[in-house]
Amino acid sequence: MKNNSGKPNYKMLFWSILLDLIGMVSYLIPGVGEFFDVIWAPVSAYLLTRFYKGNVGKVAGVIGFVEEAMPGLDIIPTFTLTWIYTQFFASDNATKLPKK
């Protein structure tokens, strides 16, 4: 996830924060939020597996799905926490995004 210079990928941080905010929309719209979570849970799980490759993406996808599907857990910023993990704690090359 770090760029070629070894610095953190802040573009991915931006997207992670944005997607976490989208996941928290259910708190803003009472009644509609539960329906939104039913749709957002599998979408966020899929996006996590695409953004973060390897085992990190798989684990993050499962955690993201459960976090969005369970009432009251939407406050957990799964995308951002996964970004932090990949930037500062993971050393596995499989966690990096493929080059396009």
N, C-alpha and C. Protein backbone atom coordinates (compact mmCIF):
# COMPACT_ATOMS: atom_id res chain seq x y z
N MET A 1 0.80 -1.20 0.00
CA MET A 1 0.00 0.00 0.00
C MET A 1 0.85 1.26 0.00
N LYS A 2 2.10 1.16 0.37
CA LYS A 2 2.96 2.33 0.30
C LYS A 2 3.37 2.55 -1.14
N ASN A 3 3.62 3.79 -1.49
CA ASN A 3 4.04 4.06 -2.85
C ASN A 3 5.51 3.71 -3.02
N ASN A 4 6.05 3.93 -4.20
CA ASN A 4 7.42 3.52 -4.51
C ASN A 4 8.47 4.19 -3.63
N SER A 5 8.19 5.35 -3.09
CA SER A 5 9.16 6.05 -2.25
C SER A 5 9.11 5.56 -0.81
N GLY A 6 8.23 4.63 -0.50
CA GLY A 6 8.11 4.10 0.86
C GLY A 6 7.21 4.92 1.76
N LYS A 7 6.60 5.96 1.20
CA LYS A 7 5.71 6.80 2.00
C LYS A 7 4.30 6.22 1.97
N PRO A 8 3.50 6.50 3.00
CA PRO A 8 2.12 5.99 3.02
C PRO A 8 1.31 6.49 1.82
N ASN A 9 0.37 5.69 1.39
CA ASN A 9 -0.49 6.00 0.27
C ASN A 9 -1.69 6.80 0.79
N TYR A 10 -1.57 8.11 0.76
CA TYR A 10 -2.62 8.96 1.32
C TYR A 10 -3.87 9.00 0.45
N LYS A 11 -3.73 8.69 -0.81
CA LYS A 11 -4.91 8.60 -1.68
C LYS A 11 -5.82 7.47 -1.19
N MET A 12 -5.21 6.34 -0.81
CA MET A 12 -5.99 5.23 -0.28
C MET A 12 -6.59 5.58 1.08
N LEU A 13 -5.89 6.38 1.86
CA LEU A 13 -6.45 6.84 3.15
C LEU A 13 -7.70 7.68 2.90
N PHE A 14 -7.64 8.56 1.92
CA PHE A 14 -8.81 9.38 1.58
C PHE A 14 -10.00 8.49 1.25
N TRP A 15 -9.78 7.48 0.39
CA TRP A 15 -10.87 6.59 0.00
C TRP A 15 -11.36 5.77 1.20
N SER A 16 -10.47 5.38 2.06
CA SER A 16 -10.85 4.60 3.24
C SER A 16 -11.74 5.42 4.16
N ILE A 17 -11.36 6.66 4.39
CA ILE A 17 -12.17 7.53 5.25
C ILE A 17 -13.52 7.79 4.61
N LEU A 18 -13.53 8.06 3.32
CA LEU A 18 -14.79 8.31 2.61
C LEU A 18 -15.73 7.10 2.71
N LEU A 19 -15.19 5.91 2.49
CA LEU A 19 -16.03 4.70 2.56
C LEU A 19 -16.50 4.43 3.99
N ASP A 20 -15.69 4.73 4.98
CA ASP A 20 -16.14 4.60 6.37
C ASP A 20 -17.28 5.58 6.66
N LEU A 21 -17.19 6.78 6.12
CA LEU A 21 -18.26 7.76 6.31
C LEU A 21 -19.55 7.30 5.63
N ILE A 22 -19.43 6.71 4.46
CA ILE A 22 -20.61 6.16 3.78
C ILE A 22 -21.25 5.09 4.64
N GLY A 23 -20.43 4.25 5.26
CA GLY A 23 -20.95 3.20 6.13
C GLY A 23 -21.66 3.73 7.36
N MET A 24 -21.32 4.95 7.78
CA MET A 24 -21.95 5.54 8.96
C MET A 24 -23.21 6.32 8.64
N VAL A 25 -23.61 6.35 7.38
CA VAL A 25 -24.81 7.08 6.96
C VAL A 25 -26.05 6.57 7.69
N SER A 26 -26.06 5.32 8.05
CA SER A 26 -27.25 4.76 8.69
C SER A 26 -27.57 5.46 10.01
N TYR A 27 -26.60 6.10 10.64
CA TYR A 27 -26.87 6.85 11.86
C TYR A 27 -27.59 8.15 11.56
N LEU A 28 -27.45 8.66 10.36
CA LEU A 28 -28.04 9.94 10.01
C LEU A 28 -29.50 9.85 9.58
N ILE A 29 -29.89 8.72 9.05
CA ILE A 29 -31.24 8.58 8.51
C ILE A 29 -31.98 7.46 9.27
N PRO A 30 -32.70 7.80 10.33
CA PRO A 30 -33.41 6.78 11.10
C PRO A 30 -34.44 6.05 10.23
N GLY A 31 -34.51 4.74 10.40
CA GLY A 31 -35.46 3.94 9.64
C GLY A 31 -34.89 3.45 8.32
N VAL A 32 -34.27 4.33 7.57
CA VAL A 32 -33.68 3.98 6.28
C VAL A 32 -32.33 3.31 6.50
N GLY A 33 -31.67 3.65 7.59
CA GLY A 33 -30.34 3.16 7.86
C GLY A 33 -30.23 1.65 7.91
N GLU A 34 -31.21 0.99 8.50
CA GLU A 34 -31.16 -0.47 8.59
C GLU A 34 -31.23 -1.10 7.20
N PHE A 35 -32.04 -0.56 6.33
CA PHE A 35 -32.12 -1.05 4.96
C PHE A 35 -30.80 -0.81 4.23
N PHE A 36 -30.23 0.38 4.45
CA PHE A 36 -28.95 0.71 3.83
C PHE A 36 -27.86 -0.26 4.28
N ASP A 37 -27.86 -0.63 5.56
CA ASP A 37 -26.85 -1.55 6.07
C ASP A 37 -26.94 -2.92 5.41
N VAL A 38 -28.14 -3.36 5.09
CA VAL A 38 -28.32 -4.66 4.42
C VAL A 38 -27.64 -4.64 3.05
N ILE A 39 -27.69 -3.52 2.39
CA ILE A 39 -27.05 -3.39 1.08
C ILE A 39 -25.55 -3.11 1.24
N TRP A 40 -25.20 -2.25 2.19
CA TRP A 40 -23.82 -1.81 2.33
C TRP A 40 -22.90 -2.91 2.89
N ALA A 41 -23.39 -3.80 3.72
CA ALA A 41 -22.54 -4.83 4.33
C ALA A 41 -21.81 -5.68 3.28
N PRO A 42 -22.48 -6.26 2.31
CA PRO A 42 -21.73 -7.04 1.32
C PRO A 42 -20.89 -6.17 0.39
N VAL A 43 -21.35 -4.95 0.11
CA VAL A 43 -20.58 -4.06 -0.75
C VAL A 43 -19.26 -3.68 -0.07
N SER A 44 -19.34 -3.33 1.21
CA SER A 44 -18.11 -2.95 1.92
C SER A 44 -17.17 -4.14 2.05
N ALA A 45 -17.70 -5.33 2.29
CA ALA A 45 -16.86 -6.53 2.37
C ALA A 45 -16.15 -6.76 1.04
N TYR A 46 -16.87 -6.63 -0.05
CA TYR A 46 -16.28 -6.80 -1.38
C TYR A 46 -15.18 -5.76 -1.63
N LEU A 47 -15.47 -4.49 -1.30
CA LEU A 47 -14.49 -3.43 -1.52
C LEU A 47 -13.23 -3.64 -0.68
N LEU A 48 -13.40 -4.09 0.55
CA LEU A 48 -12.24 -4.36 1.39
C LEU A 48 -11.35 -5.45 0.79
N THR A 49 -11.96 -6.48 0.23
CA THR A 49 -11.15 -7.54 -0.38
C THR A 49 -10.47 -7.06 -1.66
N ARG A 50 -11.03 -6.08 -2.34
CA ARG A 50 -10.42 -5.54 -3.55
C ARG A 50 -9.34 -4.52 -3.22
N PHE A 51 -9.57 -3.68 -2.23
CA PHE A 51 -8.59 -2.66 -1.85
C PHE A 51 -7.35 -3.28 -1.22
N TYR A 52 -7.55 -4.28 -0.40
CA TYR A 52 -6.46 -4.88 0.37
C TYR A 52 -6.35 -6.35 0.00
N LYS A 53 -5.30 -6.68 -0.72
CA LYS A 53 -5.12 -8.04 -1.24
C LYS A 53 -4.64 -9.00 -0.16
N GLY A 54 -4.72 -10.27 -0.47
CA GLY A 54 -4.19 -11.31 0.41
C GLY A 54 -5.07 -11.55 1.63
N ASN A 55 -4.44 -12.12 2.64
CA ASN A 55 -5.17 -12.46 3.86
C ASN A 55 -5.72 -11.24 4.58
N VAL A 56 -5.00 -10.13 4.50
CA VAL A 56 -5.48 -8.90 5.14
C VAL A 56 -6.82 -8.50 4.56
N GLY A 57 -6.96 -8.54 3.26
CA GLY A 57 -8.23 -8.20 2.62
C GLY A 57 -9.34 -9.16 2.96
N LYS A 58 -9.01 -10.45 3.04
CA LYS A 58 -10.04 -11.44 3.38
C LYS A 58 -10.55 -11.24 4.80
N VAL A 59 -9.61 -11.06 5.74
CA VAL A 59 -10.01 -10.85 7.14
C VAL A 59 -10.77 -9.53 7.27
N ALA A 60 -10.27 -8.49 6.64
CA ALA A 60 -10.95 -7.19 6.69
C ALA A 60 -12.35 -7.27 6.08
N GLY A 61 -12.50 -8.04 5.01
CA GLY A 61 -13.82 -8.21 4.39
C GLY A 61 -14.81 -8.86 5.33
N VAL A 62 -14.38 -9.89 6.02
CA VAL A 62 -15.27 -10.57 6.99
C VAL A 62 -15.61 -9.63 8.13
N ILE A 63 -14.60 -8.96 8.68
CA ILE A 63 -14.85 -8.02 9.78
C ILE A 63 -15.76 -6.89 9.31
N GLY A 64 -15.51 -6.36 8.12
CA GLY A 64 -16.34 -5.28 7.58
C GLY A 64 -17.78 -5.71 7.39
N PHE A 65 -17.98 -6.94 6.90
CA PHE A 65 -19.35 -7.43 6.70
C PHE A 65 -20.08 -7.54 8.05
N VAL A 66 -19.43 -8.15 9.02
CA VAL A 66 -20.05 -8.31 10.35
C VAL A 66 -20.30 -6.95 10.98
N GLU A 67 -19.33 -6.07 10.88
CA GLU A 67 -19.45 -4.74 11.48
C GLU A 67 -20.63 -3.96 10.88
N GLU A 68 -20.84 -4.06 9.59
CA GLU A 68 -21.95 -3.35 8.95
C GLU A 68 -23.28 -4.05 9.16
N ALA A 69 -23.27 -5.36 9.26
CA ALA A 69 -24.51 -6.11 9.41
C ALA A 69 -25.07 -6.06 10.84
N MET A 70 -24.20 -5.90 11.82
CA MET A 70 -24.64 -5.88 13.22
C MET A 70 -25.06 -4.46 13.62
N PRO A 71 -26.22 -4.33 14.23
CA PRO A 71 -26.66 -3.00 14.65
C PRO A 71 -25.71 -2.39 15.69
N GLY A 72 -25.44 -1.12 15.53
CA GLY A 72 -24.64 -0.38 16.50
C GLY A 72 -23.14 -0.43 16.28
N LEU A 73 -22.66 -1.24 15.35
CA LEU A 73 -21.22 -1.35 15.13
C LEU A 73 -20.73 -0.50 13.96
N ASP A 74 -21.61 0.24 13.34
CA ASP A 74 -21.24 1.06 12.17
C ASP A 74 -20.19 2.11 12.50
N ILE A 75 -20.03 2.41 13.75
CA ILE A 75 -19.09 3.45 14.16
C ILE A 75 -17.64 3.02 13.99
N ILE A 76 -17.38 1.72 13.84
CA ILE A 76 -16.02 1.21 13.68
C ILE A 76 -15.53 1.53 12.26
N PRO A 77 -14.43 2.26 12.14
CA PRO A 77 -13.91 2.63 10.81
C PRO A 77 -13.04 1.52 10.20
N THR A 78 -13.64 0.48 9.71
CA THR A 78 -12.93 -0.71 9.24
C THR A 78 -11.96 -0.40 8.11
N PHE A 79 -12.37 0.39 7.14
CA PHE A 79 -11.48 0.72 6.02
C PHE A 79 -10.24 1.46 6.52
N THR A 80 -10.45 2.45 7.39
CA THR A 80 -9.34 3.25 7.88
C THR A 80 -8.42 2.42 8.78
N LEU A 81 -8.98 1.58 9.62
CA LEU A 81 -8.15 0.72 10.48
C LEU A 81 -7.34 -0.26 9.64
N THR A 82 -7.92 -0.75 8.56
CA THR A 82 -7.18 -1.65 7.67
C THR A 82 -6.06 -0.90 6.97
N TRP A 83 -6.31 0.34 6.57
CA TRP A 83 -5.26 1.16 5.96
C TRP A 83 -4.12 1.36 6.94
N ILE A 84 -4.43 1.69 8.19
CA ILE A 84 -3.40 1.89 9.21
C ILE A 84 -2.59 0.61 9.39
N TYR A 85 -3.27 -0.51 9.45
CA TYR A 85 -2.57 -1.79 9.61
C TYR A 85 -1.62 -2.05 8.45
N THR A 86 -2.10 -1.87 7.22
CA THR A 86 -1.26 -2.17 6.06
C THR A 86 -0.09 -1.19 5.92
N GLN A 87 -0.29 0.05 6.38
CA GLN A 87 0.77 1.06 6.24
C GLN A 87 1.85 0.95 7.30
N PHE A 88 1.48 0.57 8.50
CA PHE A 88 2.42 0.67 9.62
C PHE A 88 2.74 -0.65 10.31
N PHE A 89 1.95 -1.70 10.08
CA PHE A 89 2.19 -2.94 10.79
C PHE A 89 2.43 -4.14 9.89
N ALA A 90 1.83 -4.19 8.73
CA ALA A 90 1.98 -5.34 7.83
C ALA A 90 3.24 -5.19 7.00
N SER A 91 3.95 -6.28 6.82
CA SER A 91 5.13 -6.24 5.96
C SER A 91 4.97 -7.19 4.78
N ASP A 92 3.80 -7.81 4.68
CA ASP A 92 3.53 -8.79 3.62
C ASP A 92 3.24 -8.09 2.31
N ASN A 93 3.92 -8.47 1.25
CA ASN A 93 3.70 -7.88 -0.07
C ASN A 93 2.31 -8.19 -0.61
N ALA A 94 1.65 -9.24 -0.12
CA ALA A 94 0.33 -9.60 -0.60
C ALA A 94 -0.73 -8.59 -0.19
N THR A 95 -0.42 -7.68 0.74
CA THR A 95 -1.39 -6.69 1.17
C THR A 95 -1.42 -5.49 0.24
N LYS A 96 -0.52 -5.42 -0.70
CA LYS A 96 -0.43 -4.26 -1.57
C LYS A 96 -1.41 -4.35 -2.74
N LEU A 97 -1.83 -3.21 -3.22
CA LEU A 97 -2.70 -3.17 -4.38
C LEU A 97 -1.91 -3.50 -5.64
N PRO A 98 -2.55 -4.16 -6.60
CA PRO A 98 -1.86 -4.42 -7.85
C PRO A 98 -1.68 -3.11 -8.62
N LYS A 99 -0.60 -3.00 -9.35
CA LYS A 99 -0.35 -1.80 -10.16
C LYS A 99 -1.20 -1.85 -11.41
N LYS A 100 -1.74 -0.71 -11.78
CA LYS A 100 -2.60 -0.66 -12.98
C LYS A 100 -1.93 0.15 -14.04
